[in-house]
N, C-alpha and C. Protein backbone atom coordinates (compact mmCIF):
# COMPACT_ATOMS: atom_id res chain seq x y z
N GLY A 1 -16.55 -6.62 5.91
CA GLY A 1 -15.56 -6.14 6.86
C GLY A 1 -15.78 -4.68 7.15
N SER A 2 -15.06 -4.19 8.13
CA SER A 2 -15.19 -2.78 8.49
C SER A 2 -14.20 -1.95 7.70
N GLY A 3 -14.45 -0.66 7.63
CA GLY A 3 -13.59 0.24 6.88
C GLY A 3 -12.26 0.45 7.57
N ALA A 4 -11.39 1.15 6.87
CA ALA A 4 -10.06 1.43 7.41
C ALA A 4 -9.65 2.83 7.02
N LYS A 5 -8.84 3.45 7.85
CA LYS A 5 -8.35 4.79 7.58
C LYS A 5 -6.85 4.76 7.36
N LEU A 6 -6.41 5.61 6.45
CA LEU A 6 -5.01 5.70 6.07
C LEU A 6 -4.59 7.16 6.15
N ILE A 7 -3.50 7.45 6.85
CA ILE A 7 -2.98 8.81 6.93
C ILE A 7 -1.93 8.99 5.85
N VAL A 8 -2.10 10.05 5.05
CA VAL A 8 -1.16 10.37 3.99
C VAL A 8 -0.59 11.75 4.31
N SER A 9 0.74 11.82 4.42
CA SER A 9 1.40 13.07 4.82
C SER A 9 2.35 13.55 3.73
N ASN A 10 2.88 14.75 3.96
CA ASN A 10 3.89 15.36 3.08
C ASN A 10 3.37 15.61 1.67
N LEU A 11 2.10 15.93 1.55
CA LEU A 11 1.54 16.28 0.25
C LEU A 11 1.71 17.77 0.01
N PRO A 12 1.86 18.18 -1.25
CA PRO A 12 2.10 19.60 -1.55
C PRO A 12 0.92 20.48 -1.13
N LEU A 13 1.23 21.73 -0.83
CA LEU A 13 0.22 22.67 -0.36
C LEU A 13 -0.87 22.94 -1.39
N ASN A 14 -0.54 22.80 -2.67
CA ASN A 14 -1.52 23.13 -3.71
C ASN A 14 -2.37 21.93 -4.13
N ILE A 15 -2.27 20.81 -3.43
CA ILE A 15 -3.05 19.63 -3.81
C ILE A 15 -4.52 19.84 -3.45
N LYS A 16 -5.40 19.29 -4.28
CA LYS A 16 -6.84 19.43 -4.08
C LYS A 16 -7.43 18.07 -3.72
N PHE A 17 -8.62 18.09 -3.11
CA PHE A 17 -9.31 16.85 -2.76
C PHE A 17 -9.49 15.97 -4.00
N GLU A 18 -9.81 16.59 -5.14
CA GLU A 18 -10.02 15.83 -6.37
C GLU A 18 -8.74 15.10 -6.78
N ASP A 19 -7.59 15.76 -6.59
CA ASP A 19 -6.30 15.13 -6.92
C ASP A 19 -6.06 13.90 -6.06
N ILE A 20 -6.35 14.03 -4.78
CA ILE A 20 -6.14 12.92 -3.84
C ILE A 20 -7.03 11.74 -4.22
N GLU A 21 -8.30 12.03 -4.48
CA GLU A 21 -9.22 10.95 -4.85
C GLU A 21 -8.77 10.28 -6.14
N LEU A 22 -8.31 11.07 -7.10
CA LEU A 22 -7.85 10.51 -8.36
C LEU A 22 -6.63 9.60 -8.16
N LEU A 23 -5.68 10.07 -7.36
CA LEU A 23 -4.46 9.30 -7.12
C LEU A 23 -4.72 8.01 -6.34
N PHE A 24 -5.49 8.12 -5.26
CA PHE A 24 -5.61 7.00 -4.34
C PHE A 24 -6.80 6.09 -4.62
N SER A 25 -7.72 6.50 -5.49
CA SER A 25 -8.84 5.61 -5.83
C SER A 25 -8.37 4.43 -6.67
N ALA A 26 -7.17 4.51 -7.22
CA ALA A 26 -6.59 3.38 -7.95
C ALA A 26 -6.44 2.16 -7.05
N TYR A 27 -6.41 2.38 -5.74
CA TYR A 27 -6.21 1.29 -4.78
C TYR A 27 -7.52 0.80 -4.17
N GLY A 28 -8.63 1.40 -4.56
CA GLY A 28 -9.93 1.00 -4.05
C GLY A 28 -10.81 2.21 -3.82
N GLN A 29 -12.07 1.92 -3.52
CA GLN A 29 -13.04 3.01 -3.33
C GLN A 29 -12.77 3.76 -2.04
N ILE A 30 -12.62 5.08 -2.17
CA ILE A 30 -12.41 5.95 -1.02
C ILE A 30 -13.78 6.44 -0.56
N LEU A 31 -14.07 6.27 0.72
CA LEU A 31 -15.34 6.71 1.26
C LEU A 31 -15.30 8.17 1.69
N ASN A 32 -14.12 8.62 2.16
CA ASN A 32 -14.01 9.98 2.68
C ASN A 32 -12.56 10.44 2.63
N VAL A 33 -12.37 11.74 2.41
CA VAL A 33 -11.06 12.37 2.49
C VAL A 33 -11.18 13.52 3.48
N GLU A 34 -10.33 13.51 4.51
CA GLU A 34 -10.40 14.52 5.57
C GLU A 34 -9.04 15.17 5.75
N LYS A 35 -9.01 16.50 5.70
CA LYS A 35 -7.76 17.23 5.90
C LYS A 35 -7.48 17.30 7.40
N VAL A 36 -6.25 17.03 7.77
CA VAL A 36 -5.86 17.14 9.18
C VAL A 36 -4.79 18.21 9.33
N THR A 37 -4.75 18.81 10.48
CA THR A 37 -3.77 19.85 10.75
C THR A 37 -2.40 19.22 10.90
N SER A 38 -1.47 19.71 10.12
CA SER A 38 -0.11 19.19 10.15
C SER A 38 0.76 20.10 11.00
N ARG A 39 1.71 19.52 11.70
CA ARG A 39 2.65 20.33 12.48
C ARG A 39 3.59 21.10 11.58
N ASP A 40 3.79 20.60 10.38
CA ASP A 40 4.68 21.24 9.41
C ASP A 40 3.83 22.05 8.44
N ALA A 41 3.97 23.36 8.46
CA ALA A 41 3.15 24.24 7.62
C ALA A 41 3.53 24.18 6.15
N SER A 42 4.60 23.46 5.81
CA SER A 42 5.05 23.42 4.42
C SER A 42 4.41 22.28 3.62
N ASN A 43 3.55 21.49 4.26
CA ASN A 43 2.87 20.41 3.54
C ASN A 43 1.53 20.09 4.20
N HIS A 44 0.74 19.26 3.52
CA HIS A 44 -0.58 18.87 4.01
C HIS A 44 -0.59 17.39 4.38
N SER A 45 -1.50 17.05 5.29
CA SER A 45 -1.77 15.66 5.64
C SER A 45 -3.27 15.42 5.52
N PHE A 46 -3.62 14.21 5.11
CA PHE A 46 -5.03 13.85 4.93
C PHE A 46 -5.27 12.46 5.49
N ILE A 47 -6.51 12.21 5.90
CA ILE A 47 -6.94 10.87 6.30
C ILE A 47 -7.88 10.37 5.21
N LEU A 48 -7.55 9.22 4.64
CA LEU A 48 -8.40 8.60 3.63
C LEU A 48 -9.13 7.43 4.27
N SER A 49 -10.43 7.38 4.07
CA SER A 49 -11.23 6.26 4.58
C SER A 49 -11.56 5.33 3.42
N TYR A 50 -11.13 4.08 3.55
CA TYR A 50 -11.39 3.07 2.52
C TYR A 50 -12.51 2.15 2.99
N GLU A 51 -13.11 1.48 2.02
CA GLU A 51 -14.21 0.57 2.29
C GLU A 51 -13.78 -0.61 3.16
N THR A 52 -12.58 -1.15 2.88
CA THR A 52 -12.09 -2.30 3.65
C THR A 52 -10.64 -2.08 4.07
N ALA A 53 -10.21 -2.78 5.09
CA ALA A 53 -8.84 -2.69 5.57
C ALA A 53 -7.86 -3.18 4.51
N ASP A 54 -8.25 -4.17 3.72
CA ASP A 54 -7.36 -4.69 2.67
C ASP A 54 -7.00 -3.61 1.67
N LEU A 55 -7.94 -2.74 1.33
CA LEU A 55 -7.68 -1.68 0.37
C LEU A 55 -6.72 -0.64 0.94
N ALA A 56 -6.80 -0.38 2.21
CA ALA A 56 -5.96 0.64 2.84
C ALA A 56 -4.50 0.21 2.91
N GLN A 57 -4.24 -1.08 2.83
CA GLN A 57 -2.86 -1.56 2.90
C GLN A 57 -2.15 -1.26 1.62
């Protein structure tokens, strides 16, 4: 199957890419983590790319 992307918002400003991978890899293999510009400067948003759509759910 094809990969899937998941947007994760409202994460603390001090979170690191390693933290995100550690937290969300429990749900499956993450292919990529990309920081996106959030409209709210008090938190971060990221796009996680998973191997399959089933994992992203």
